[in-house]
Amino acid sequence: MAATDGNVPARLRLPPPPPCCVPALSSGASVVAIDNKIEQAMDLVKSHLMYAVREEVEVLKEQIKELIEKNSQLEQENTLLKTLASPEQLAQFQAQLQTGSPPSSQTQGTTQQPAQPASQGSGPSA
């Protein structure tokens, strides 16, 4: 029994029971320390989230810029095609839009034919 009573490492791992005020003071200090660590962790999470949001905003701004440019190009192309199309082609296209049917390949080919000679004609003369 003396060997087990002299087993000091087991007692060293436990806090000494008599001073009851010491654990209360240290628990108050540990609560403050824990609160500080939680606040630091929340600040770190906040900064990481803000960084990720800023990166995403930059990506989205670039995509918006590209889409605006593409939209402008398509509007110019649409205007050009409207000017090169005959009134019959435009009427046929409007009718297809109202019925919801897709344009036929013949209509598309006919619409594109005036645009091709115009671009080919302007190439050699330049």
Foldseek 3Di string as FASTA:
>chain_A
DVVVVPPCVVVVVDDDPPPPVVVVVVVVVVVVVVVVVVVVVVVVVVVVVVVVVVVVVVVVVVVVVVVVVVVVVVVVVVVVLVVQDDPVLVVVVVVCVVVVHDDDPVSVVNSCVSVVCVVVVVVVVD
